[in-house]
Every structure is written in structure tokens, then in C-alpha cells.
């Protein structure tokens, strides 16, 4: 067995190139939708009552993409009250031998790939002239989504809402100067959503809070919170009112935006990879409501982890260990 490369969070931050990851994820979404041989697998591991409310383990396996001679398995601890709320590792294995090529800290990698995946879906479905963005959920994922979207298209204004208003204020104080974008914190959810061309929701919500009548004609919504059973952000009526695009149909129903409000596969128009490949249309007119529901898939971790691993090897970063010694 080859030695295993160990990479810390600081090393992953240094090695992960967002531009390269954006291209890799775009191609990976297309490959997954058009040529997948293994379905996504995402397992929620319940914890005993002694664990804090909302806490659980999460396993994503296997991450596979055409052209990458490796597969990934990710293990996360999800504790909403902690900072960061997600902690874990990504294991990268050789596809031919099973050798453990690398173990790397995965919370930064996850935030980056989720932000870019959300931005790809938003950019593909929102109107070209959509300039006002509402961020609902002023956490790390809300920050990652905005940064990734701003790298893809111009943004005129950002409205930020969080159930804890001070978090929205702090978000604006940090990201306003960082990005140069005009932004303000809005304590009223309905006003924030109604004022936006693009709504990005990234929360821990267990009940839907975005209704169809909140959304202006031609709006786009990206919903990222529902990534396990019992979570929801958009109501069933809001989803039925729009054109719903997902990353994976089975997971959208079993633990994503559809399953959280009792909807089935009949609500799905297409997968994101089909839209990116031009096999199915996304938005069809300027007044249509579009929705991207992302659960988050293991191949996204592989795309990011492989970029990190290859660059670490090229630059001689990290340390190695032989686990069989």
C-alpha cells in the first residue's frame, strides 16, 4: 500500500483553486447526469439523545467521475451550534488498487464546492439581467454562495436576512467591504424575498418559510438547506409554481427540497447537468419562476479533492503516513 498524504485545512485552503474547481464541477455535473454508472449515496447517521439537538453524522460515498482514477468517501460531524458547524475528513482512494491516497480536512472543501455548485445552478437558471440577490441565512454557506455567484455574474445589490438579525448585520459589515457590493441587512423575511430577483436560502430550517406569493415574477430561488430528511425551505406551493431543477432526483425526493414538503419526482423538470449540457431547457421566459434544489453530491467532493491532491503532490505539500506499518 502506498503512503497516505495528510492535508490540513490550511493546506487545503492554499491548494484549492476556485476557478479550476468551477470548471471541474461544471463538467462533473454534465458527466453525472449523462453518463453516471453509480447513483449518489448519502447516509445520515443519527446520534443518541445525549448529543445536542440537530446534531448528526453524515457519510457521502462513493464520489466518482469519468476521467478521475480515484474515488472519495467523506465523513462529517454536523453540529449546528458549533463553529464551524461541520467538521470532517475526505478520504481519497485509488480506483484500481483501493490504496488510501490522501486524507484531507473537508469543511473548507465542502463549503467551496457547495458555493460553486449553487452558483452554477443559479447562473444557469436566473434571468441574465437579474441583479438583486437576497441571501437568507447569514452563515458560512450564505457567504460562500455570494462569493461564488459574484465571480460568475454582476450583482447590483445584496439584501441579507437571518432569523438572528445581528448575524445579517455582521455579514454585511464583513462582505460589503470584501466584495465591494452594495448590501443591507433586512429584518423582515417577506420584504427581503419580495425585493430580490435571485433568492439564495442556506439555513437549518425544518419547516418551509418561502411561499409562492413572496416571490416576484421571473425570480430564481436556490435552496441549499434541505440536505437530509426533515429539512425544508420552500413550500410545496412555491415549488409547484416554478420550474424545479435538482442535482439528483432520488435524493431530492428522499431528503431534499421535495421530500421535505411531501412532493415526489413528478415535480422535477430536469437535473442541473442536463441543463448545463443543453439537453433540457432551464428558464424559458423572463416571468417564469425557477428553482434549483441542491442536496450536495459526493462527486463534487471528488472533483475538489482530486484537484487538491494533484497540486499537493506537484508542490510537495503535506506529510505522509503508512497506516499499514
C-alpha atoms as a PDB file:
ATOM      1  CA  UNK A   1       0.000   0.000   0.000  1.00  0.00           C
ATOM      2  CA  UNK A   2       1.294   3.452  -0.909  1.00  0.00           C
ATOM      3  CA  UNK A   3       1.801   6.017   1.810  1.00  0.00           C
ATOM      4  CA  UNK A   4      -1.161   8.276   2.538  1.00  0.00           C
ATOM      5  CA  UNK A   5      -0.885  12.042   2.138  1.00  0.00           C
ATOM      6  CA  UNK A   6      -2.294  14.057   5.063  1.00  0.00           C
ATOM      7  CA  UNK A   7      -3.522  17.611   4.407  1.00  0.00           C
ATOM      8  CA  UNK A   8      -4.701  20.142   6.992  1.00  0.00           C
ATOM      9  CA  UNK A   9      -7.361  22.786   6.465  1.00  0.00           C
ATOM     10  CA  UNK A  10      -4.716  25.480   5.918  1.00  0.00           C
ATOM     11  CA  UNK A  11      -3.115  23.373   3.208  1.00  0.00           C
ATOM     12  CA  UNK A  12      -6.461  22.675   1.528  1.00  0.00           C
ATOM     13  CA  UNK A  13      -7.214  26.418   1.534  1.00  0.00           C
ATOM     14  CA  UNK A  14      -3.888  27.107  -0.153  1.00  0.00           C
ATOM     15  CA  UNK A  15      -4.244  24.335  -2.735  1.00  0.00           C
ATOM     16  CA  UNK A  16      -7.886  24.586  -3.859  1.00  0.00           C
ATOM     17  CA  UNK A  17      -8.203  26.900  -6.887  1.00  0.00           C
ATOM     18  CA  UNK A  18     -11.826  28.165  -7.197  1.00  0.00           C
ATOM     19  CA  UNK A  19     -11.560  28.805 -10.934  1.00  0.00           C
ATOM     20  CA  UNK A  20     -10.258  25.313 -11.634  1.00  0.00           C
ATOM     21  CA  UNK A  21     -12.918  23.858  -9.336  1.00  0.00           C
ATOM     22  CA  UNK A  22     -15.695  25.714 -11.167  1.00  0.00           C
ATOM     23  CA  UNK A  23     -14.668  24.171 -14.468  1.00  0.00           C
ATOM     24  CA  UNK A  24     -14.259  20.729 -12.921  1.00  0.00           C
ATOM     25  CA  UNK A  25     -17.686  20.867 -11.285  1.00  0.00           C
ATOM     26  CA  UNK A  26     -19.416  22.015 -14.446  1.00  0.00           C
ATOM     27  CA  UNK A  27     -18.010  19.046 -16.350  1.00  0.00           C
ATOM     28  CA  UNK A  28     -18.740  16.729 -13.425  1.00  0.00           C
ATOM     29  CA  UNK A  29     -22.428  17.728 -13.288  1.00  0.00           C
ATOM     30  CA  UNK A  30     -22.751  17.009 -17.007  1.00  0.00           C
ATOM     31  CA  UNK A  31     -20.971  13.665 -16.686  1.00  0.00           C
ATOM     32  CA  UNK A  32     -23.123  12.666 -13.709  1.00  0.00           C
ATOM     33  CA  UNK A  33     -26.391  13.428 -15.489  1.00  0.00           C
ATOM     34  CA  UNK A  34     -25.461  11.915 -18.850  1.00  0.00           C
ATOM     35  CA  UNK A  35     -23.102   9.042 -18.030  1.00  0.00           C
ATOM     36  CA  UNK A  36     -23.400   8.022 -14.382  1.00  0.00           C
ATOM     37  CA  UNK A  37     -22.858   4.385 -13.516  1.00  0.00           C
ATOM     38  CA  UNK A  38     -23.284   4.612  -9.731  1.00  0.00           C
ATOM     39  CA  UNK A  39     -26.044   6.585  -8.006  1.00  0.00           C
ATOM     40  CA  UNK A  40     -25.208   9.112  -5.295  1.00  0.00           C
ATOM     41  CA  UNK A  41     -25.288   7.725  -1.774  1.00  0.00           C
ATOM     42  CA  UNK A  42     -25.768   9.955   1.234  1.00  0.00           C
ATOM     43  CA  UNK A  43     -26.313   8.452   4.680  1.00  0.00           C
ATOM     44  CA  UNK A  44     -27.430  10.361   7.777  1.00  0.00           C
ATOM     45  CA  UNK A  45     -26.091   8.796  10.971  1.00  0.00           C
ATOM     46  CA  UNK A  46     -28.386   9.582  13.936  1.00  0.00           C
ATOM     47  CA  UNK A  47     -26.732  10.247  17.269  1.00  0.00           C
ATOM     48  CA  UNK A  48     -28.082   9.359  20.752  1.00  0.00           C
ATOM     49  CA  UNK A  49     -30.124  11.757  22.866  1.00  0.00           C
ATOM     50  CA  UNK A  50     -27.029  12.951  24.721  1.00  0.00           C
ATOM     51  CA  UNK A  51     -25.866  14.742  21.571  1.00  0.00           C
ATOM     52  CA  UNK A  52     -27.096  18.348  21.075  1.00  0.00           C
ATOM     53  CA  UNK A  53     -30.376  18.807  19.159  1.00  0.00           C
ATOM     54  CA  UNK A  54     -29.937  18.731  15.388  1.00  0.00           C
ATOM     55  CA  UNK A  55     -26.551  17.007  15.551  1.00  0.00           C
ATOM     56  CA  UNK A  56     -25.737  14.010  13.374  1.00  0.00           C
ATOM     57  CA  UNK A  57     -23.106  12.274  11.356  1.00  0.00           C
ATOM     58  CA  UNK A  58     -23.114  12.317   7.555  1.00  0.00           C
ATOM     59  CA  UNK A  59     -21.447   9.912   5.132  1.00  0.00           C
ATOM     60  CA  UNK A  60     -21.150  10.616   1.397  1.00  0.00           C
ATOM     61  CA  UNK A  61     -19.938   7.738  -0.756  1.00  0.00           C
ATOM     62  CA  UNK A  62     -18.821   6.966  -3.369  1.00  0.00           C
ATOM     63  CA  UNK A  63     -17.591  10.033  -5.232  1.00  0.00           C
ATOM     64  CA  UNK A  64     -16.972   9.001  -8.838  1.00  0.00           C
ATOM     65  CA  UNK A  65     -16.367  10.992 -12.038  1.00  0.00           C
ATOM     66  CA  UNK A  66     -15.342   9.914 -15.533  1.00  0.00           C
ATOM     67  CA  UNK A  67     -11.653  10.649 -16.050  1.00  0.00           C
ATOM     68  CA  UNK A  68     -10.528  10.673 -12.395  1.00  0.00           C
ATOM     69  CA  UNK A  69      -8.757   7.423 -11.416  1.00  0.00           C
ATOM     70  CA  UNK A  70      -9.869   7.656  -7.794  1.00  0.00           C
ATOM     71  CA  UNK A  71     -12.980   7.644  -5.647  1.00  0.00           C
ATOM     72  CA  UNK A  72     -13.798   9.549  -2.479  1.00  0.00           C
ATOM     73  CA  UNK A  73     -15.638   8.928   0.771  1.00  0.00           C
ATOM     74  CA  UNK A  74     -16.479  11.801   3.118  1.00  0.00           C
ATOM     75  CA  UNK A  75     -17.388  11.616   6.785  1.00  0.00           C
ATOM     76  CA  UNK A  76     -18.823  14.663   8.529  1.00  0.00           C
ATOM     77  CA  UNK A  77     -19.969  15.596  12.004  1.00  0.00           C
ATOM     78  CA  UNK A  78     -22.798  18.134  11.752  1.00  0.00           C
ATOM     79  CA  UNK A  79     -23.352  20.114  14.960  1.00  0.00           C
ATOM     80  CA  UNK A  80     -25.375  23.285  14.196  1.00  0.00           C
ATOM     81  CA  UNK A  81     -24.439  25.110  17.412  1.00  0.00           C
ATOM     82  CA  UNK A  82     -20.689  24.745  16.842  1.00  0.00           C
ATOM     83  CA  UNK A  83     -18.370  26.947  14.775  1.00  0.00           C
ATOM     84  CA  UNK A  84     -17.677  25.569  12.312  1.00  0.00           C
ATOM     85  CA  UNK A  85     -20.916  23.585  12.286  1.00  0.00           C
ATOM     86  CA  UNK A  86     -19.428  20.906  10.032  1.00  0.00           C
ATOM     87  CA  UNK A  87     -16.175  19.060  10.729  1.00  0.00           C
ATOM     88  CA  UNK A  88     -14.770  16.071   8.934  1.00  0.00           C
ATOM     89  CA  UNK A  89     -12.367  14.426   6.534  1.00  0.00           C
ATOM     90  CA  UNK A  90     -12.314  13.368   2.903  1.00  0.00           C
ATOM     91  CA  UNK A  91     -10.676  10.044   2.044  1.00  0.00           C
ATOM     92  CA  UNK A  92      -9.312   9.675  -1.480  1.00  0.00           C
ATOM     93  CA  UNK A  93      -8.743   6.111  -2.743  1.00  0.00           C
ATOM     94  CA  UNK A  94      -7.046   4.770  -5.871  1.00  0.00           C
ATOM     95  CA  UNK A  95      -9.742   3.336  -8.149  1.00  0.00           C
ATOM     96  CA  UNK A  96      -7.612   0.371  -9.279  1.00  0.00           C
ATOM     97  CA  UNK A  97      -5.899  -0.691  -6.058  1.00  0.00           C
ATOM     98  CA  UNK A  98      -8.014   0.819  -3.287  1.00  0.00           C
ATOM     99  CA  UNK A  99      -4.912   2.448  -1.811  1.00  0.00           C
ATOM    100  CA  UNK A 100      -5.723   5.351   0.503  1.00  0.00           C
ATOM    101  CA  UNK A 101      -4.083   8.186  -1.430  1.00  0.00           C
ATOM    102  CA  UNK A 102      -4.984  11.040   0.912  1.00  0.00           C
ATOM    103  CA  UNK A 103      -6.885  12.181   3.975  1.00  0.00           C
ATOM    104  CA  UNK A 104      -7.741  15.880   3.986  1.00  0.00           C
ATOM    105  CA  UNK A 105      -9.763  18.234   6.157  1.00  0.00           C
ATOM    106  CA  UNK A 106     -13.099  18.623   4.392  1.00  0.00           C
ATOM    107  CA  UNK A 107     -15.113  21.528   5.826  1.00  0.00           C
ATOM    108  CA  UNK A 108     -13.425  24.181   3.663  1.00  0.00           C
ATOM    109  CA  UNK A 109     -13.514  21.929   0.628  1.00  0.00           C
ATOM    110  CA  UNK A 110     -17.235  21.289   1.208  1.00  0.00           C
ATOM    111  CA  UNK A 111     -18.035  24.974   1.585  1.00  0.00           C
ATOM    112  CA  UNK A 112     -16.197  25.823  -1.623  1.00  0.00           C
ATOM    113  CA  UNK A 113     -17.711  23.083  -3.772  1.00  0.00           C
ATOM    114  CA  UNK A 114     -21.198  23.784  -2.411  1.00  0.00           C
ATOM    115  CA  UNK A 115     -20.864  27.504  -3.052  1.00  0.00           C
ATOM    116  CA  UNK A 116     -19.674  26.959  -6.617  1.00  0.00           C
ATOM    117  CA  UNK A 117     -22.296  24.279  -7.324  1.00  0.00           C
ATOM    118  CA  UNK A 118     -25.024  26.617  -6.094  1.00  0.00           C
ATOM    119  CA  UNK A 119     -23.634  29.452  -8.197  1.00  0.00           C
ATOM    120  CA  UNK A 120     -23.561  27.250 -11.309  1.00  0.00           C
ATOM    121  CA  UNK A 121     -27.239  26.402 -10.798  1.00  0.00           C
ATOM    122  CA  UNK A 122     -28.179  29.992 -10.043  1.00  0.00           C
ATOM    123  CA  UNK A 123     -26.314  31.389 -13.039  1.00  0.00           C
ATOM    124  CA  UNK A 124     -27.795  28.778 -15.381  1.00  0.00           C
ATOM    125  CA  UNK A 125     -31.396  29.477 -14.337  1.00  0.00           C
ATOM    126  CA  UNK A 126     -31.673  33.111 -13.230  1.00  0.00           C
ATOM    127  CA  UNK A 127     -32.536  35.820 -15.755  1.00  0.00           C
ATOM    128  CA  UNK A 128     -29.439  37.330 -17.390  1.00  0.00           C
ATOM    129  CA  UNK A 129     -30.437  40.759 -16.054  1.00  0.00           C
ATOM    130  CA  UNK A 130     -31.214  39.565 -12.504  1.00  0.00           C
ATOM    131  CA  UNK A 131     -29.213  41.920 -10.308  1.00  0.00           C
ATOM    132  CA  UNK A 132     -30.716  41.977  -6.814  1.00  0.00           C
ATOM    133  CA  UNK A 133     -29.813  38.998  -4.626  1.00  0.00           C
ATOM    134  CA  UNK A 134     -31.417  38.057  -1.309  1.00  0.00           C
ATOM    135  CA  UNK A 135     -29.311  35.865   0.971  1.00  0.00           C
ATOM    136  CA  UNK A 136     -31.433  34.053   3.552  1.00  0.00           C
ATOM    137  CA  UNK A 137     -29.140  32.584   6.159  1.00  0.00           C
ATOM    138  CA  UNK A 138     -26.081  34.661   7.067  1.00  0.00           C
ATOM    139  CA  UNK A 139     -23.796  31.742   7.821  1.00  0.00           C
ATOM    140  CA  UNK A 140     -20.725  30.283   6.166  1.00  0.00           C
ATOM    141  CA  UNK A 141     -22.727  28.798   3.314  1.00  0.00           C
ATOM    142  CA  UNK A 142     -24.559  32.053   2.687  1.00  0.00           C
ATOM    143  CA  UNK A 143     -21.158  33.722   2.410  1.00  0.00           C
ATOM    144  CA  UNK A 144     -19.787  31.052   0.089  1.00  0.00           C
ATOM    145  CA  UNK A 145     -22.794  31.277  -2.205  1.00  0.00           C
ATOM    146  CA  UNK A 146     -22.475  35.031  -2.621  1.00  0.00           C
ATOM    147  CA  UNK A 147     -18.737  34.958  -3.263  1.00  0.00           C
ATOM    148  CA  UNK A 148     -19.110  32.196  -5.848  1.00  0.00           C
ATOM    149  CA  UNK A 149     -22.026  33.886  -7.599  1.00  0.00           C
ATOM    150  CA  UNK A 150     -20.250  37.261  -7.711  1.00  0.00           C
ATOM    151  CA  UNK A 151     -17.402  35.544  -9.574  1.00  0.00           C
ATOM    152  CA  UNK A 152     -19.856  34.416 -12.271  1.00  0.00           C
ATOM    153  CA  UNK A 153     -22.131  37.412 -12.901  1.00  0.00           C
ATOM    154  CA  UNK A 154     -22.583  41.090 -11.962  1.00  0.00           C
ATOM    155  CA  UNK A 155     -24.626  41.809  -8.844  1.00  0.00           C
ATOM    156  CA  UNK A 156     -26.217  45.215  -8.276  1.00  0.00           C
ATOM    157  CA  UNK A 157     -27.441  44.819  -4.694  1.00  0.00           C
ATOM    158  CA  UNK A 158     -27.496  42.249  -1.892  1.00  0.00           C
ATOM    159  CA  UNK A 159     -30.208  42.010   0.758  1.00  0.00           C
ATOM    160  CA  UNK A 160     -29.390  39.802   3.731  1.00  0.00           C
ATOM    161  CA  UNK A 161     -31.869  38.219   6.114  1.00  0.00           C
ATOM    162  CA  UNK A 162     -31.232  35.957   9.072  1.00  0.00           C
ATOM    163  CA  UNK A 163     -33.516  34.911  11.923  1.00  0.00           C
ATOM    164  CA  UNK A 164     -30.789  36.357  14.139  1.00  0.00           C
ATOM    165  CA  UNK A 165     -30.645  39.905  12.758  1.00  0.00           C
ATOM    166  CA  UNK A 166     -27.243  40.674  14.265  1.00  0.00           C
ATOM    167  CA  UNK A 167     -25.803  37.894  12.090  1.00  0.00           C
ATOM    168  CA  UNK A 168     -27.158  39.613   8.966  1.00  0.00           C
ATOM    169  CA  UNK A 169     -25.661  42.928  10.089  1.00  0.00           C
ATOM    170  CA  UNK A 170     -22.273  41.266  10.709  1.00  0.00           C
ATOM    171  CA  UNK A 171     -22.473  39.551   7.304  1.00  0.00           C
ATOM    172  CA  UNK A 172     -22.941  42.907   5.571  1.00  0.00           C
ATOM    173  CA  UNK A 173     -20.173  44.542   7.585  1.00  0.00           C
ATOM    174  CA  UNK A 174     -17.756  41.802   6.549  1.00  0.00           C
ATOM    175  CA  UNK A 175     -18.714  41.065   2.949  1.00  0.00           C
ATOM    176  CA  UNK A 176     -19.621  44.574   1.860  1.00  0.00           C
ATOM    177  CA  UNK A 177     -16.032  45.854   2.046  1.00  0.00           C
ATOM    178  CA  UNK A 178     -14.617  42.483   0.935  1.00  0.00           C
ATOM    179  CA  UNK A 179     -16.677  42.264  -2.256  1.00  0.00           C
ATOM    180  CA  UNK A 180     -17.406  45.913  -2.997  1.00  0.00           C
ATOM    181  CA  UNK A 181     -21.095  45.051  -3.349  1.00  0.00           C
ATOM    182  CA  UNK A 182     -23.906  47.264  -2.073  1.00  0.00           C
ATOM    183  CA  UNK A 183     -25.672  45.344   0.664  1.00  0.00           C
ATOM    184  CA  UNK A 184     -28.013  45.814   3.577  1.00  0.00           C
ATOM    185  CA  UNK A 185     -29.464  43.697   6.361  1.00  0.00           C
ATOM    186  CA  UNK A 186     -33.265  43.288   6.231  1.00  0.00           C
ATOM    187  CA  UNK A 187     -35.034  42.079   9.386  1.00  0.00           C
ATOM    188  CA  UNK A 188     -38.281  41.232   7.559  1.00  0.00           C
ATOM    189  CA  UNK A 189     -38.105  37.971   5.583  1.00  0.00           C
ATOM    190  CA  UNK A 190     -41.015  38.766   3.277  1.00  0.00           C
ATOM    191  CA  UNK A 191     -39.545  42.154   2.311  1.00  0.00           C
ATOM    192  CA  UNK A 192     -36.147  40.605   1.655  1.00  0.00           C
ATOM    193  CA  UNK A 193     -37.531  37.887  -0.619  1.00  0.00           C
ATOM    194  CA  UNK A 194     -40.012  40.140  -2.428  1.00  0.00           C
ATOM    195  CA  UNK A 195     -37.290  42.643  -3.348  1.00  0.00           C
ATOM    196  CA  UNK A 196     -34.991  40.091  -4.983  1.00  0.00           C
ATOM    197  CA  UNK A 197     -34.506  38.706  -8.483  1.00  0.00           C
ATOM    198  CA  UNK A 198     -32.411  35.893  -7.014  1.00  0.00           C
ATOM    199  CA  UNK A 199     -33.088  34.298  -3.618  1.00  0.00           C
ATOM    200  CA  UNK A 200     -30.450  32.027  -2.079  1.00  0.00           C
ATOM    201  CA  UNK A 201     -31.538  30.136   1.032  1.00  0.00           C
ATOM    202  CA  UNK A 202     -28.944  28.319   3.133  1.00  0.00           C
ATOM    203  CA  UNK A 203     -30.425  27.564   6.548  1.00  0.00           C
ATOM    204  CA  UNK A 204     -31.006  24.753   9.046  1.00  0.00           C
ATOM    205  CA  UNK A 205     -34.795  25.186   8.751  1.00  0.00           C
ATOM    206  CA  UNK A 206     -37.071  22.208   9.397  1.00  0.00           C
ATOM    207  CA  UNK A 207     -40.230  23.919   8.114  1.00  0.00           C
ATOM    208  CA  UNK A 208     -40.755  25.836   4.840  1.00  0.00           C
ATOM    209  CA  UNK A 209     -40.643  29.627   5.131  1.00  0.00           C
ATOM    210  CA  UNK A 210     -40.641  30.828   1.489  1.00  0.00           C
ATOM    211  CA  UNK A 211     -44.129  30.927  -0.024  1.00  0.00           C
ATOM    212  CA  UNK A 212     -45.074  31.413  -3.668  1.00  0.00           C
ATOM    213  CA  UNK A 213     -46.719  34.796  -3.059  1.00  0.00           C
ATOM    214  CA  UNK A 214     -43.480  36.199  -1.630  1.00  0.00           C
ATOM    215  CA  UNK A 215     -41.625  35.808  -4.935  1.00  0.00           C
ATOM    216  CA  UNK A 216     -41.695  38.382  -7.710  1.00  0.00           C
ATOM    217  CA  UNK A 217     -42.375  37.288 -11.318  1.00  0.00           C
ATOM    218  CA  UNK A 218     -39.250  35.984 -13.006  1.00  0.00           C
ATOM    219  CA  UNK A 219     -37.439  35.272  -9.747  1.00  0.00           C
ATOM    220  CA  UNK A 220     -34.983  32.440  -9.227  1.00  0.00           C
ATOM    221  CA  UNK A 221     -34.535  30.552  -5.937  1.00  0.00           C
ATOM    222  CA  UNK A 222     -31.616  28.339  -4.970  1.00  0.00           C
ATOM    223  CA  UNK A 223     -32.408  26.240  -1.892  1.00  0.00           C
ATOM    224  CA  UNK A 224     -29.482  24.535  -0.157  1.00  0.00           C
ATOM    225  CA  UNK A 225     -30.657  23.828   3.384  1.00  0.00           C
ATOM    226  CA  UNK A 226     -32.594  20.602   2.766  1.00  0.00           C
ATOM    227  CA  UNK A 227     -29.800  18.038   2.639  1.00  0.00           C
ATOM    228  CA  UNK A 228     -31.268  15.401   4.927  1.00  0.00           C
ATOM    229  CA  UNK A 229     -34.770  14.234   5.909  1.00  0.00           C
ATOM    230  CA  UNK A 230     -36.843  16.691   7.917  1.00  0.00           C
ATOM    231  CA  UNK A 231     -35.453  19.941   6.462  1.00  0.00           C
ATOM    232  CA  UNK A 232     -37.278  22.384   4.168  1.00  0.00           C
ATOM    233  CA  UNK A 233     -37.095  25.997   2.972  1.00  0.00           C
ATOM    234  CA  UNK A 234     -39.622  26.371   0.119  1.00  0.00           C
ATOM    235  CA  UNK A 235     -43.273  25.408   0.482  1.00  0.00           C
ATOM    236  CA  UNK A 236     -44.812  22.789  -1.781  1.00  0.00           C
ATOM    237  CA  UNK A 237     -46.921  25.521  -3.400  1.00  0.00           C
ATOM    238  CA  UNK A 238     -43.823  27.585  -4.198  1.00  0.00           C
ATOM    239  CA  UNK A 239     -42.122  24.600  -5.802  1.00  0.00           C
ATOM    240  CA  UNK A 240     -45.215  23.687  -7.820  1.00  0.00           C
ATOM    241  CA  UNK A 241     -45.414  27.281  -9.058  1.00  0.00           C
ATOM    242  CA  UNK A 242     -41.966  27.116 -10.648  1.00  0.00           C
ATOM    243  CA  UNK A 243     -39.638  25.024 -12.791  1.00  0.00           C
ATOM    244  CA  UNK A 244     -37.690  22.806 -10.393  1.00  0.00           C
ATOM    245  CA  UNK A 245     -34.157  21.671 -11.257  1.00  0.00           C
ATOM    246  CA  UNK A 246     -32.215  19.357  -8.941  1.00  0.00           C
ATOM    247  CA  UNK A 247     -28.745  17.865  -8.644  1.00  0.00           C
ATOM    248  CA  UNK A 248     -30.087  14.323  -8.086  1.00  0.00           C
ATOM    249  CA  UNK A 249     -33.743  13.213  -8.432  1.00  0.00           C
ATOM    250  CA  UNK A 250     -33.701  10.364  -5.921  1.00  0.00           C
ATOM    251  CA  UNK A 251     -32.074  12.428  -3.186  1.00  0.00           C
ATOM    252  CA  UNK A 252     -34.278  15.462  -3.915  1.00  0.00           C
ATOM    253  CA  UNK A 253     -37.259  13.263  -3.065  1.00  0.00           C
ATOM    254  CA  UNK A 254     -35.788  11.207  -0.221  1.00  0.00           C
ATOM    255  CA  UNK A 255     -34.053  14.004   1.711  1.00  0.00           C
ATOM    256  CA  UNK A 256     -34.004  17.214  -0.331  1.00  0.00           C
ATOM    257  CA  UNK A 257     -36.290  20.146  -1.073  1.00  0.00           C
ATOM    258  CA  UNK A 258     -39.068  17.939  -2.471  1.00  0.00           C
ATOM    259  CA  UNK A 259     -39.131  15.304   0.226  1.00  0.00           C
ATOM    260  CA  UNK A 260     -39.179  17.922   2.960  1.00  0.00           C
ATOM    261  CA  UNK A 261     -42.599  19.139   1.782  1.00  0.00           C
ATOM    262  CA  UNK A 262     -44.083  15.852   0.603  1.00  0.00           C
ATOM    263  CA  UNK A 263     -43.513  16.198  -3.140  1.00  0.00           C
ATOM    264  CA  UNK A 264     -42.303  13.470  -5.478  1.00  0.00           C
ATOM    265  CA  UNK A 265     -40.370  13.065  -8.702  1.00  0.00           C
ATOM    266  CA  UNK A 266     -43.249  14.488 -10.730  1.00  0.00           C
ATOM    267  CA  UNK A 267     -42.181  17.968  -9.559  1.00  0.00           C
ATOM    268  CA  UNK A 268     -38.740  17.652 -11.224  1.00  0.00           C
ATOM    269  CA  UNK A 269     -38.191  19.265 -14.613  1.00  0.00           C
ATOM    270  CA  UNK A 270     -34.527  18.331 -15.073  1.00  0.00           C
ATOM    271  CA  UNK A 271     -31.164  17.703 -13.465  1.00  0.00           C
ATOM    272  CA  UNK A 272     -28.653  20.535 -13.440  1.00  0.00           C
ATOM    273  CA  UNK A 273     -26.234  18.504 -15.556  1.00  0.00           C
ATOM    274  CA  UNK A 274     -28.898  18.119 -18.254  1.00  0.00           C
ATOM    275  CA  UNK A 275     -29.429  21.882 -18.326  1.00  0.00           C
ATOM    276  CA  UNK A 276     -25.695  22.660 -18.385  1.00  0.00           C
ATOM    277  CA  UNK A 277     -25.248  20.186 -21.244  1.00  0.00           C
ATOM    278  CA  UNK A 278     -28.091  21.771 -23.217  1.00  0.00           C
ATOM    279  CA  UNK A 279     -30.096  18.525 -23.210  1.00  0.00           C
ATOM    280  CA  UNK A 280     -33.026  20.121 -21.410  1.00  0.00           C
ATOM    281  CA  UNK A 281     -34.030  23.787 -21.187  1.00  0.00           C
ATOM    282  CA  UNK A 282     -33.698  25.755 -17.996  1.00  0.00           C
ATOM    283  CA  UNK A 283     -35.573  29.044 -17.877  1.00  0.00           C
ATOM    284  CA  UNK A 284     -37.919  29.548 -20.839  1.00  0.00           C
ATOM    285  CA  UNK A 285     -39.085  33.153 -20.308  1.00  0.00           C
ATOM    286  CA  UNK A 286     -38.468  36.248 -18.208  1.00  0.00           C
ATOM    287  CA  UNK A 287     -41.512  35.834 -15.955  1.00  0.00           C
ATOM    288  CA  UNK A 288     -41.025  32.180 -15.079  1.00  0.00           C
ATOM    289  CA  UNK A 289     -40.113  31.138 -11.531  1.00  0.00           C
ATOM    290  CA  UNK A 290     -37.089  28.828 -11.488  1.00  0.00           C
ATOM    291  CA  UNK A 291     -35.793  26.798  -8.553  1.00  0.00           C
ATOM    292  CA  UNK A 292     -32.537  24.921  -8.049  1.00  0.00           C
ATOM    293  CA  UNK A 293     -32.675  22.388  -5.224  1.00  0.00           C
ATOM    294  CA  UNK A 294     -29.225  21.128  -4.275  1.00  0.00           C
ATOM    295  CA  UNK A 295     -28.664  18.294  -1.816  1.00  0.00           C
ATOM    296  CA  UNK A 296     -24.923  18.085  -2.450  1.00  0.00           C
ATOM    297  CA  UNK A 297     -23.355  15.048  -4.095  1.00  0.00           C
ATOM    298  CA  UNK A 298     -20.241  13.015  -3.441  1.00  0.00           C
ATOM    299  CA  UNK A 299     -18.752  13.572  -6.893  1.00  0.00           C
ATOM    300  CA  UNK A 300     -18.407  17.250  -6.003  1.00  0.00           C
ATOM    301  CA  UNK A 301     -16.063  16.248  -3.170  1.00  0.00           C
ATOM    302  CA  UNK A 302     -14.044  14.058  -5.512  1.00  0.00           C
ATOM    303  CA  UNK A 303     -13.638  16.883  -8.030  1.00  0.00           C
ATOM    304  CA  UNK A 304     -12.351  19.209  -5.321  1.00  0.00           C
ATOM    305  CA  UNK A 305     -10.276  16.601  -3.504  1.00  0.00           C
ATOM    306  CA  UNK A 306      -8.555  15.435  -6.675  1.00  0.00           C
ATOM    307  CA  UNK A 307      -7.534  18.997  -7.556  1.00  0.00           C
ATOM    308  CA  UNK A 308      -6.108  19.443  -4.058  1.00  0.00           C
ATOM    309  CA  UNK A 309      -4.308  16.095  -4.114  1.00  0.00           C
ATOM    310  CA  UNK A 310      -2.695  16.598  -7.519  1.00  0.00           C
ATOM    311  CA  UNK A 311      -1.477  20.077  -6.644  1.00  0.00           C
ATOM    312  CA  UNK A 312      -0.199  18.952  -3.234  1.00  0.00           C
ATOM    313  CA  UNK A 313       1.853  16.221  -4.901  1.00  0.00           C
ATOM    314  CA  UNK A 314       3.185  18.651  -7.500  1.00  0.00           C
ATOM    315  CA  UNK A 315       4.201  21.213  -4.856  1.00  0.00           C
ATOM    316  CA  UNK A 316       5.409  18.751  -2.227  1.00  0.00           C
ATOM    317  CA  UNK A 317       2.933  19.888   0.446  1.00  0.00           C
ATOM    318  CA  UNK A 318       1.532  17.819   3.298  1.00  0.00           C
ATOM    319  CA  UNK A 319       3.038  14.881   5.152  1.00  0.00           C
ATOM    320  CA  UNK A 320       2.706  11.152   4.620  1.00  0.00           C
ATOM    321  CA  UNK A 321       1.956   8.202   6.849  1.00  0.00           C
ATOM    322  CA  UNK A 322       1.903   4.466   6.226  1.00  0.00           C
ATOM    323  CA  UNK A 323      -1.188   3.189   8.043  1.00  0.00           C
ATOM    324  CA  UNK A 324      -0.138  -0.435   7.488  1.00  0.00           C
ATOM    325  CA  UNK A 325       3.338  -0.030   9.002  1.00  0.00           C
END
